[in-house]
Amino acid sequence: MMAKLIVTGASREQAIARARRALAEFNIAGRSQCIAFSSRNDGTS
């Protein structure tokens, strides 16, 4: 099963902050996942 996280904000910074918070609150059980990668990949490259 896969999930997609979509966040919005009044500014790019607010959207990134909301995405970071949502990823920190994710509760995933079972097989390995790429949540750590998603948490590090905030699009600021």
N, C-alpha and C. Protein backbone atom coordinates (compact mmCIF):
# COMPACT_ATOMS: atom_id res chain seq x y z
N MET A 1 0.84 -1.16 0.00
CA MET A 1 0.00 0.00 0.00
C MET A 1 0.90 1.23 0.00
N MET A 2 0.50 2.23 -0.73
CA MET A 2 1.26 3.47 -0.79
C MET A 2 0.37 4.63 -0.37
N ALA A 3 1.00 5.68 0.06
CA ALA A 3 0.27 6.89 0.44
C ALA A 3 0.97 8.08 -0.17
N LYS A 4 0.22 9.13 -0.38
CA LYS A 4 0.78 10.36 -0.92
C LYS A 4 0.43 11.49 0.03
N LEU A 5 1.43 12.29 0.35
CA LEU A 5 1.23 13.41 1.26
C LEU A 5 1.17 14.69 0.43
N ILE A 6 0.10 15.44 0.59
CA ILE A 6 -0.06 16.72 -0.10
C ILE A 6 -0.27 17.78 0.97
N VAL A 7 0.54 18.83 0.92
CA VAL A 7 0.40 19.92 1.88
C VAL A 7 0.33 21.24 1.12
N THR A 8 -0.29 22.21 1.75
CA THR A 8 -0.37 23.56 1.19
C THR A 8 -0.01 24.55 2.28
N GLY A 9 0.28 25.75 1.86
CA GLY A 9 0.58 26.81 2.82
C GLY A 9 0.51 28.16 2.15
N ALA A 10 0.45 29.19 2.94
CA ALA A 10 0.41 30.54 2.40
C ALA A 10 1.73 30.90 1.71
N SER A 11 2.81 30.22 2.12
CA SER A 11 4.12 30.44 1.51
C SER A 11 4.81 29.09 1.35
N ARG A 12 5.88 29.08 0.58
CA ARG A 12 6.65 27.85 0.39
C ARG A 12 7.19 27.37 1.74
N GLU A 13 7.68 28.30 2.54
CA GLU A 13 8.23 27.95 3.85
C GLU A 13 7.18 27.29 4.74
N GLN A 14 5.96 27.81 4.72
CA GLN A 14 4.90 27.23 5.53
C GLN A 14 4.55 25.83 5.03
N ALA A 15 4.50 25.64 3.72
CA ALA A 15 4.20 24.32 3.17
C ALA A 15 5.28 23.32 3.56
N ILE A 16 6.55 23.72 3.51
CA ILE A 16 7.64 22.83 3.90
C ILE A 16 7.54 22.49 5.38
N ALA A 17 7.24 23.47 6.22
CA ALA A 17 7.08 23.22 7.65
C ALA A 17 5.94 22.24 7.91
N ARG A 18 4.86 22.40 7.21
CA ARG A 18 3.72 21.49 7.38
C ARG A 18 4.07 20.08 6.92
N ALA A 19 4.81 19.98 5.81
CA ALA A 19 5.22 18.66 5.32
C ALA A 19 6.14 17.98 6.32
N ARG A 20 7.09 18.72 6.88
CA ARG A 20 7.99 18.15 7.88
C ARG A 20 7.22 17.66 9.10
N ARG A 21 6.25 18.44 9.54
CA ARG A 21 5.45 18.03 10.71
C ARG A 21 4.65 16.77 10.39
N ALA A 22 4.02 16.74 9.24
CA ALA A 22 3.22 15.58 8.86
C ALA A 22 4.09 14.33 8.76
N LEU A 23 5.28 14.45 8.16
CA LEU A 23 6.17 13.29 8.06
C LEU A 23 6.63 12.83 9.43
N ALA A 24 6.86 13.77 10.34
CA ALA A 24 7.29 13.41 11.69
C ALA A 24 6.18 12.68 12.44
N GLU A 25 4.92 12.96 12.11
CA GLU A 25 3.79 12.34 12.80
C GLU A 25 3.32 11.04 12.15
N PHE A 26 3.88 10.68 10.99
CA PHE A 26 3.50 9.44 10.32
C PHE A 26 3.81 8.25 11.22
N ASN A 27 2.92 7.30 11.27
CA ASN A 27 3.13 6.06 12.01
C ASN A 27 3.05 4.92 11.01
N ILE A 28 4.20 4.34 10.70
CA ILE A 28 4.26 3.28 9.70
C ILE A 28 4.74 2.00 10.36
N ALA A 29 4.04 0.91 10.08
CA ALA A 29 4.42 -0.39 10.62
C ALA A 29 4.58 -1.37 9.47
N GLY A 30 5.34 -2.41 9.71
CA GLY A 30 5.50 -3.43 8.69
C GLY A 30 6.87 -3.35 8.04
N ARG A 31 6.92 -3.56 6.74
CA ARG A 31 8.17 -3.58 6.00
C ARG A 31 8.85 -2.23 6.02
N SER A 32 10.09 -2.21 5.55
CA SER A 32 10.85 -0.96 5.54
C SER A 32 10.18 0.08 4.66
N GLN A 33 10.49 1.32 4.90
CA GLN A 33 9.85 2.42 4.18
C GLN A 33 10.88 3.49 3.84
N CYS A 34 10.47 4.43 3.03
CA CYS A 34 11.36 5.52 2.62
C CYS A 34 10.99 6.83 3.31
N ILE A 35 10.34 6.77 4.47
CA ILE A 35 9.95 7.99 5.17
C ILE A 35 11.18 8.81 5.57
N ALA A 36 12.28 8.15 5.90
CA ALA A 36 13.50 8.89 6.26
C ALA A 36 13.99 9.70 5.06
N PHE A 37 13.95 9.10 3.87
CA PHE A 37 14.34 9.83 2.66
C PHE A 37 13.41 11.01 2.43
N SER A 38 12.13 10.79 2.56
CA SER A 38 11.16 11.86 2.34
C SER A 38 11.35 12.99 3.34
N SER A 39 11.71 12.64 4.55
CA SER A 39 11.94 13.66 5.57
C SER A 39 13.15 14.52 5.25
N ARG A 40 14.17 13.92 4.62
CA ARG A 40 15.38 14.67 4.27
C ARG A 40 15.21 15.42 2.96
N ASN A 41 14.31 14.98 2.11
CA ASN A 41 14.14 15.55 0.79
C ASN A 41 13.06 16.63 0.84
N ASP A 42 13.44 17.82 1.31
CA ASP A 42 12.45 18.88 1.49
C ASP A 42 12.40 19.84 0.30
N GLY A 43 13.10 19.52 -0.79
CA GLY A 43 13.01 20.33 -1.99
C GLY A 43 13.81 21.61 -1.96
N THR A 44 14.78 21.73 -1.07
CA THR A 44 15.55 22.97 -0.98
C THR A 44 16.88 22.88 -1.71
N SER A 45 17.00 21.93 -2.63
CA SER A 45 18.27 21.76 -3.33
C SER A 45 18.54 22.87 -4.30
